[in-house]
C-alpha atoms as a PDB file:
ATOM      1  CA  MET A   1    -171.530  60.073   8.189  1.00  0.00           C
ATOM      2  CA  LEU A   2    -169.782  60.420  11.477  1.00  0.00           C
ATOM      3  CA  ARG A   3    -169.977  63.971  13.029  1.00  0.00           C
ATOM      4  CA  PRO A   4    -166.933  65.499  14.290  1.00  0.00           C
ATOM      5  CA  GLY A   5    -166.670  64.648  18.068  1.00  0.00           C
ATOM      6  CA  SER A   6    -169.026  62.035  17.915  1.00  0.00           C
ATOM      7  CA  PRO A   7    -168.579  59.058  20.312  1.00  0.00           C
ATOM      8  CA  TRP A   8    -168.039  56.458  17.302  1.00  0.00           C
ATOM      9  CA  ARG A   9    -165.409  59.043  15.463  1.00  0.00           C
ATOM     10  CA  THR A  10    -163.485  59.572  18.814  1.00  0.00           C
ATOM     11  CA  GLY A  11    -163.433  55.747  19.431  1.00  0.00           C
ATOM     12  CA  ILE A  12    -162.255  54.922  15.946  1.00  0.00           C
ATOM     13  CA  ASN A  13    -159.345  57.685  16.134  1.00  0.00           C
ATOM     14  CA  ARG A  14    -158.486  56.117  19.491  1.00  0.00           C
ATOM     15  CA  VAL A  15    -158.148  52.766  17.698  1.00  0.00           C
ATOM     16  CA  LEU A  16    -156.121  53.869  14.685  1.00  0.00           C
ATOM     17  CA  ALA A  17    -153.889  55.737  17.191  1.00  0.00           C
ATOM     18  CA  LEU A  18    -152.628  52.554  18.434  1.00  0.00           C
ATOM     19  CA  GLY A  19    -150.817  51.872  15.201  1.00  0.00           C
ATOM     20  CA  PRO A  20    -151.346  48.801  12.881  1.00  0.00           C
ATOM     21  CA  SER A  21    -148.858  46.561  14.925  1.00  0.00           C
ATOM     22  CA  ARG A  22    -151.057  46.732  18.346  1.00  0.00           C
ATOM     23  CA  ILE A  23    -154.339  46.682  16.165  1.00  0.00           C
ATOM     24  CA  ALA A  24    -153.334  43.332  14.550  1.00  0.00           C
ATOM     25  CA  LEU A  25    -152.351  41.968  17.988  1.00  0.00           C
ATOM     26  CA  GLY A  26    -155.534  43.097  19.461  1.00  0.00           C
ATOM     27  CA  LEU A  27    -157.564  41.677  16.571  1.00  0.00           C
ATOM     28  CA  ALA A  28    -155.499  38.274  16.926  1.00  0.00           C
ATOM     29  CA  ILE A  29    -156.583  38.080  20.828  1.00  0.00           C
ATOM     30  CA  VAL A  30    -160.322  38.691  20.089  1.00  0.00           C
ATOM     31  CA  LEU A  31    -160.083  35.895  17.145  1.00  0.00           C
ATOM     32  CA  VAL A  32    -158.527  33.339  19.626  1.00  0.00           C
ATOM     33  CA  LEU A  33    -160.889  33.949  22.352  1.00  0.00           C
ATOM     34  CA  VAL A  34    -163.904  33.480  19.526  1.00  0.00           C
ATOM     35  CA  SER A  35    -161.963  30.427  18.366  1.00  0.00           C
ATOM     36  CA  LEU A  36    -162.200  28.919  22.044  1.00  0.00           C
ATOM     37  CA  ALA A  37    -165.710  29.125  21.947  1.00  0.00           C
ATOM     38  CA  LEU A  38    -166.177  27.238  18.425  1.00  0.00           C
ATOM     39  CA  PRO A  39    -165.944  23.696  17.236  1.00  0.00           C
ATOM     40  CA  PHE A  40    -162.490  22.880  16.074  1.00  0.00           C
ATOM     41  CA  TRP A  41    -163.265  19.835  13.856  1.00  0.00           C
ATOM     42  CA  SER A  42    -166.291  17.797  12.405  1.00  0.00           C
ATOM     43  CA  LEU A  43    -166.872  14.322  11.190  1.00  0.00           C
ATOM     44  CA  SER A  44    -169.861  13.252   9.215  1.00  0.00           C
ATOM     45  CA  ARG A  45    -171.475   9.955   8.524  1.00  0.00           C
ATOM     46  CA  ALA A  46    -173.893   9.401   5.627  1.00  0.00           C
ATOM     47  CA  ILE A  47    -176.100   6.215   5.227  1.00  0.00           C
ATOM     48  CA  GLY A  48    -178.507   6.794   2.404  1.00  0.00           C
ATOM     49  CA  THR A  49    -180.418   9.941   3.060  1.00  0.00           C
ATOM     50  CA  ASP A  50    -179.610   9.728   6.776  1.00  0.00           C
ATOM     51  CA  GLN A  51    -176.754  11.693   8.349  1.00  0.00           C
ATOM     52  CA  ASP A  52    -175.104  12.375  11.518  1.00  0.00           C
ATOM     53  CA  ILE A  53    -172.775  15.255  11.729  1.00  0.00           C
ATOM     54  CA  SER A  54    -170.394  15.694  15.013  1.00  0.00           C
ATOM     55  CA  SER A  55    -168.741  18.700  15.821  1.00  0.00           C
ATOM     56  CA  PHE A  56    -165.696  18.750  18.255  1.00  0.00           C
ATOM     57  CA  SER A  57    -165.392  21.479  20.567  1.00  0.00           C
ATOM     58  CA  TRP A  58    -163.335  22.083  23.589  1.00  0.00           C
ATOM     59  CA  THR A  59    -165.085  19.865  26.394  1.00  0.00           C
ATOM     60  CA  THR A  60    -167.851  18.609  24.269  1.00  0.00           C
ATOM     61  CA  PHE A  61    -168.896  17.260  21.020  1.00  0.00           C
ATOM     62  CA  THR A  62    -172.472  17.886  19.310  1.00  0.00           C
ATOM     63  CA  THR A  63    -174.279  15.429  17.162  1.00  0.00           C
ATOM     64  CA  ASP A  64    -176.841  16.900  14.849  1.00  0.00           C
ATOM     65  CA  THR A  65    -179.077  13.957  13.360  1.00  0.00           C
ATOM     66  CA  TYR A  66    -180.777  14.224  10.024  1.00  0.00           C
ATOM     67  CA  ARG A  67    -183.348  11.444   8.936  1.00  0.00           C
ATOM     68  CA  GLY A  68    -184.515  11.578   5.315  1.00  0.00           C
ATOM     69  CA  GLY A  69    -182.843  14.924   4.879  1.00  0.00           C
ATOM     70  CA  ALA A  70    -184.893  16.529   7.651  1.00  0.00           C
ATOM     71  CA  TRP A  71    -183.172  17.792  11.077  1.00  0.00           C
ATOM     72  CA  ASP A  72    -184.272  14.795  13.696  1.00  0.00           C
ATOM     73  CA  GLY A  73    -182.244  15.961  16.793  1.00  0.00           C
ATOM     74  CA  THR A  74    -179.210  17.343  18.575  1.00  0.00           C
ATOM     75  CA  VAL A  75    -177.044  15.459  21.391  1.00  0.00           C
ATOM     76  CA  ILE A  76    -174.411  17.385  23.347  1.00  0.00           C
ATOM     77  CA  LEU A  77    -172.169  15.195  25.372  1.00  0.00           C
ATOM     78  CA  PRO A  78    -168.935  16.073  27.427  1.00  0.00           C
ATOM     79  CA  TYR A  79    -166.072  14.026  26.539  1.00  0.00           C
ATOM     80  CA  THR A  80    -165.951  12.393  30.049  1.00  0.00           C
ATOM     81  CA  SER A  81    -169.281  10.868  29.379  1.00  0.00           C
ATOM     82  CA  THR A  82    -169.460   7.113  29.090  1.00  0.00           C
ATOM     83  CA  LEU A  83    -171.410   7.417  26.188  1.00  0.00           C
ATOM     84  CA  SER A  84    -168.859   9.267  24.257  1.00  0.00           C
ATOM     85  CA  PRO A  85    -166.623   7.220  21.744  1.00  0.00           C
ATOM     86  CA  TYR A  86    -163.981  10.063  21.187  1.00  0.00           C
ATOM     87  CA  ARG A  87    -161.489   9.379  23.858  1.00  0.00           C
ATOM     88  CA  ALA A  88    -158.649   9.876  21.999  1.00  0.00           C
ATOM     89  CA  VAL A  89    -159.971  12.829  19.910  1.00  0.00           C
ATOM     90  CA  ALA A  90    -160.727  14.432  23.346  1.00  0.00           C
ATOM     91  CA  SER A  91    -157.223  14.189  24.546  1.00  0.00           C
ATOM     92  CA  VAL A  92    -155.869  15.992  21.237  1.00  0.00           C
ATOM     93  CA  LEU A  93    -158.416  18.618  21.559  1.00  0.00           C
ATOM     94  CA  ALA A  94    -157.746  19.319  25.083  1.00  0.00           C
ATOM     95  CA  THR A  95    -153.993  19.880  24.065  1.00  0.00           C
ATOM     96  CA  ALA A  96    -154.909  21.829  21.133  1.00  0.00           C
ATOM     97  CA  TYR A  97    -157.018  24.260  23.174  1.00  0.00           C
ATOM     98  CA  VAL A  98    -154.409  24.548  25.721  1.00  0.00           C
ATOM     99  CA  LEU A  99    -151.983  25.611  23.088  1.00  0.00           C
ATOM    100  CA  ASP A 100    -154.678  27.972  22.135  1.00  0.00           C
ATOM    101  CA  LEU A 101    -154.292  29.724  25.524  1.00  0.00           C
ATOM    102  CA  VAL A 102    -150.672  29.531  25.571  1.00  0.00           C
ATOM    103  CA  LEU A 103    -150.781  31.655  22.134  1.00  0.00           C
ATOM    104  CA  LEU A 104    -153.500  34.010  23.619  1.00  0.00           C
ATOM    105  CA  VAL A 105    -151.082  34.916  26.462  1.00  0.00           C
ATOM    106  CA  VAL A 106    -148.155  35.252  24.236  1.00  0.00           C
ATOM    107  CA  LEU A 107    -150.166  37.809  22.163  1.00  0.00           C
ATOM    108  CA  ALA A 108    -151.260  39.685  25.250  1.00  0.00           C
ATOM    109  CA  VAL A 109    -147.800  39.942  26.602  1.00  0.00           C
ATOM    110  CA  VAL A 110    -146.487  41.163  23.404  1.00  0.00           C
ATOM    111  CA  LEU A 111    -149.238  43.666  23.123  1.00  0.00           C
ATOM    112  CA  VAL A 112    -148.383  44.964  26.604  1.00  0.00           C
ATOM    113  CA  LEU A 113    -144.702  45.327  25.791  1.00  0.00           C
ATOM    114  CA  PHE A 114    -145.553  47.191  22.519  1.00  0.00           C
ATOM    115  CA  SER A 115    -147.663  49.552  24.520  1.00  0.00           C
ATOM    116  CA  ILE A 116    -144.873  50.677  26.867  1.00  0.00           C
ATOM    117  CA  GLU A 117    -141.801  52.653  26.553  1.00  0.00           C
ATOM    118  CA  TYR A 118    -139.581  49.719  26.941  1.00  0.00           C
ATOM    119  CA  GLY A 119    -141.287  47.839  23.944  1.00  0.00           C
ATOM    120  CA  ARG A 120    -141.092  50.794  21.803  1.00  0.00           C
ATOM    121  CA  ALA A 121    -137.632  51.097  22.119  1.00  0.00           C
ATOM    122  CA  MET A 122    -136.351  47.362  22.048  1.00  0.00           C
ATOM    123  CA  PRO A 123    -133.375  46.638  19.715  1.00  0.00           C
ATOM    124  CA  THR A 124    -133.811  44.968  16.486  1.00  0.00           C
ATOM    125  CA  LEU A 125    -132.347  41.758  17.698  1.00  0.00           C
ATOM    126  CA  SER A 126    -134.814  41.712  20.484  1.00  0.00           C
ATOM    127  CA  LEU A 127    -137.644  42.523  18.143  1.00  0.00           C
ATOM    128  CA  LEU A 128    -136.573  39.613  15.948  1.00  0.00           C
ATOM    129  CA  ILE A 129    -136.471  37.025  18.778  1.00  0.00           C
ATOM    130  CA  LEU A 130    -140.041  38.348  20.014  1.00  0.00           C
ATOM    131  CA  SER A 131    -141.645  38.039  16.642  1.00  0.00           C
ATOM    132  CA  LEU A 132    -140.107  34.475  15.913  1.00  0.00           C
ATOM    133  CA  ILE A 133    -141.608  33.298  19.363  1.00  0.00           C
ATOM    134  CA  VAL A 134    -144.987  34.587  18.354  1.00  0.00           C
ATOM    135  CA  LEU A 135    -144.611  33.026  15.066  1.00  0.00           C
ATOM    136  CA  GLY A 136    -143.494  29.787  16.476  1.00  0.00           C
ATOM    137  CA  VAL A 137    -146.260  29.344  19.069  1.00  0.00           C
ATOM    138  CA  ALA A 138    -148.911  30.496  16.448  1.00  0.00           C
ATOM    139  CA  LEU A 139    -147.769  27.854  13.765  1.00  0.00           C
ATOM    140  CA  PHE A 140    -147.848  25.215  16.601  1.00  0.00           C
ATOM    141  CA  ALA A 141    -151.126  26.053  17.788  1.00  0.00           C
ATOM    142  CA  LEU A 142    -152.381  26.000  14.140  1.00  0.00           C
ATOM    143  CA  PHE A 143    -150.626  22.804  12.975  1.00  0.00           C
ATOM    144  CA  PHE A 144    -150.734  20.666  15.955  1.00  0.00           C
ATOM    145  CA  PRO A 145    -154.422  19.464  15.397  1.00  0.00           C
ATOM    146  CA  ILE A 146    -153.852  18.889  11.607  1.00  0.00           C
ATOM    147  CA  VAL A 147    -151.183  16.437  12.550  1.00  0.00           C
ATOM    148  CA  ALA A 148    -152.784  14.741  15.683  1.00  0.00           C
ATOM    149  CA  ILE A 149    -156.500  14.837  14.969  1.00  0.00           C
ATOM    150  CA  PRO A 150    -156.459  12.233  11.966  1.00  0.00           C
ATOM    151  CA  GLY A 151    -154.424   9.509  14.066  1.00  0.00           C
ATOM    152  CA  ALA A 152    -156.666  10.061  17.313  1.00  0.00           C
ATOM    153  CA  ALA A 153    -159.899   9.983  15.311  1.00  0.00           C
ATOM    154  CA  THR A 154    -158.759   6.541  13.473  1.00  0.00           C
ATOM    155  CA  THR A 155    -158.174   5.372  16.886  1.00  0.00           C
ATOM    156  CA  ASP A 156    -161.660   6.023  17.930  1.00  0.00           C
ATOM    157  CA  ARG A 157    -163.531   4.877  14.996  1.00  0.00           C
ATOM    158  CA  GLY A 158    -161.436   1.798  14.415  1.00  0.00           C
ATOM    159  CA  THR A 159    -163.036   0.614  11.435  1.00  0.00           C
ATOM    160  CA  PHE A 160    -161.180   2.673   8.652  1.00  0.00           C
ATOM    161  CA  THR A 161    -158.393   5.195   8.267  1.00  0.00           C
ATOM    162  CA  ILE A 162    -159.056   9.135   8.537  1.00  0.00           C
ATOM    163  CA  THR A 163    -156.173  10.082   6.117  1.00  0.00           C
ATOM    164  CA  GLY A 164    -155.806  13.857   6.808  1.00  0.00           C
ATOM    165  CA  PHE A 165    -157.562  16.781   8.537  1.00  0.00           C
ATOM    166  CA  TRP A 166    -160.167  17.024   5.971  1.00  0.00           C
ATOM    167  CA  GLY A 167    -161.203  14.571   3.384  1.00  0.00           C
ATOM    168  CA  SER A 168    -163.728  11.797   2.722  1.00  0.00           C
ATOM    169  CA  ALA A 169    -163.960   7.933   2.646  1.00  0.00           C
ATOM    170  CA  SER A 170    -166.601   5.202   2.194  1.00  0.00           C
ATOM    171  CA  THR A 171    -167.136   1.889   4.101  1.00  0.00           C
ATOM    172  CA  PRO A 172    -169.242  -1.216   3.265  1.00  0.00           C
ATOM    173  CA  SER A 173    -171.738  -3.130   5.328  1.00  0.00           C
ATOM    174  CA  PRO A 174    -173.947  -0.796   5.182  1.00  0.00           C
ATOM    175  CA  PRO A 175    -172.489   1.546   2.532  1.00  0.00           C
ATOM    176  CA  THR A 176    -171.567   4.507   4.708  1.00  0.00           C
ATOM    177  CA  GLY A 177    -169.955   7.941   3.378  1.00  0.00           C
ATOM    178  CA  TRP A 178    -167.819   9.683   5.838  1.00  0.00           C
ATOM    179  CA  SER A 179    -166.343  12.961   5.519  1.00  0.00           C
ATOM    180  CA  TRP A 180    -164.358  15.584   7.738  1.00  0.00           C
ATOM    181  CA  GLY A 181    -162.807  18.725   8.165  1.00  0.00           C
ATOM    182  CA  PRO A 182    -161.865  21.722  10.160  1.00  0.00           C
ATOM    183  CA  GLY A 183    -164.583  23.667  12.197  1.00  0.00           C
ATOM    184  CA  LEU A 184    -165.233  27.217  12.437  1.00  0.00           C
ATOM    185  CA  GLY A 185    -162.893  27.577  15.484  1.00  0.00           C
ATOM    186  CA  TRP A 186    -159.899  26.401  13.460  1.00  0.00           C
ATOM    187  CA  TRP A 187    -160.505  28.739  10.568  1.00  0.00           C
ATOM    188  CA  ILE A 188    -160.807  31.482  13.158  1.00  0.00           C
ATOM    189  CA  LEU A 189    -157.543  30.467  14.614  1.00  0.00           C
ATOM    190  CA  LEU A 190    -155.927  30.765  11.067  1.00  0.00           C
ATOM    191  CA  LEU A 191    -157.023  34.537  11.061  1.00  0.00           C
ATOM    192  CA  ALA A 192    -155.775  34.886  14.590  1.00  0.00           C
ATOM    193  CA  VAL A 193    -152.342  33.421  13.506  1.00  0.00           C
ATOM    194  CA  VAL A 194    -151.895  35.603  10.568  1.00  0.00           C
ATOM    195  CA  SER A 195    -153.004  38.675  12.150  1.00  0.00           C
ATOM    196  CA  GLY A 196    -150.934  37.989  15.388  1.00  0.00           C
ATOM    197  CA  SER A 197    -147.900  37.265  13.087  1.00  0.00           C
ATOM    198  CA  VAL A 198    -148.194  40.464  11.319  1.00  0.00           C
ATOM    199  CA  GLY A 199    -148.563  42.572  14.477  1.00  0.00           C
ATOM    200  CA  ALA A 200    -145.658  40.886  15.968  1.00  0.00           C
ATOM    201  CA  ILE A 201    -143.424  41.136  12.809  1.00  0.00           C
ATOM    202  CA  LEU A 202    -144.344  44.884  11.840  1.00  0.00           C
ATOM    203  CA  PRO A 203    -141.916  46.519  14.783  1.00  0.00           C
ATOM    204  CA  TYR A 204    -139.099  44.401  13.561  1.00  0.00           C
ATOM    205  CA  VAL A 205    -139.545  45.296   9.795  1.00  0.00           C
ATOM    206  CA  LYS A 206    -139.859  48.982  10.784  1.00  0.00           C
ATOM    207  CA  SER A 207    -136.695  48.707  12.947  1.00  0.00           C
ATOM    208  CA  ILE A 208    -134.913  47.158   9.908  1.00  0.00           C
ATOM    209  CA  ARG A 209    -136.132  50.151   7.571  1.00  0.00           C
ATOM    210  CA  ALA A 210    -134.995  52.354  10.268  1.00  0.00           C
ATOM    211  CA  MET A 211    -131.518  51.261   9.979  1.00  0.00           C
ATOM    212  CA  ILE A 212    -131.386  51.764   6.482  1.00  0.00           C
ATOM    213  CA  PRO A 213    -129.745  55.305   5.950  1.00  0.00           C
ATOM    214  CA  ALA A 214    -131.623  57.895   3.914  1.00  0.00           C
ATOM    215  CA  PRO A 215    -130.098  59.113   0.549  1.00  0.00           C
ATOM    216  CA  PRO A 216    -128.367  62.425   0.804  1.00  0.00           C
ATOM    217  CA  PRO A 217    -130.494  65.463  -0.327  1.00  0.00           C
ATOM    218  CA  GLY A 218    -130.730  65.790  -4.061  1.00  0.00           C
ATOM    219  CA  TRP A 219    -129.424  62.269  -4.871  1.00  0.00           C
ATOM    220  CA  ARG A 220    -131.174  60.602  -7.749  1.00  0.00           C
ATOM    221  CA  PRO A 221    -130.846  56.914  -8.938  1.00  0.00           C
ATOM    222  CA  PRO A 222    -128.422  56.832 -11.938  1.00  0.00           C
ATOM    223  CA  SER A 223    -130.320  56.484 -15.193  1.00  0.00           C
END
């Protein structure tokens, strides 16, 4: 139990005093920062009991190698390396991470606006425009890699078509199983998009509710 006046209780009370909108925006900013440090997409190749799993981050990709089901080593290469076969994926991910940074800046600006007197007194239309901007940037950052990475990865591999952001395929000579999907960074970004959108929309919803006139004293709905 937290004792009255303890540092933890004081800190929690200060956070709660920010209100749900600013808490959601602050959480979204933290989540975007975390997503920038994590792999955004992964591609796995399996031949019998041997498997290579490549995880794609902002400037590097990491390949974990398993032989006979046991880990055999890890190689980390920058996309600029002459040994990197993922030039197109690197270009897409560079754009994806720039969009994340844009989202980070937009969330920070909105958080500052909602923390000053001007932002708290913004008219309903301005709040609507602001929430639409946040929602648009967030969704674009989230869905851009879903649309762009499959084509880029297909270009880099050249031997088969990667049909979506996640999925699987097999190729002959030798029989090879392929699977791919979003990395932890993309899932963290998804949480950031949800949290940031909620934080941006709440003041608009609150403003709309404030425009609805309250019923007169003693009024009851007709039975």
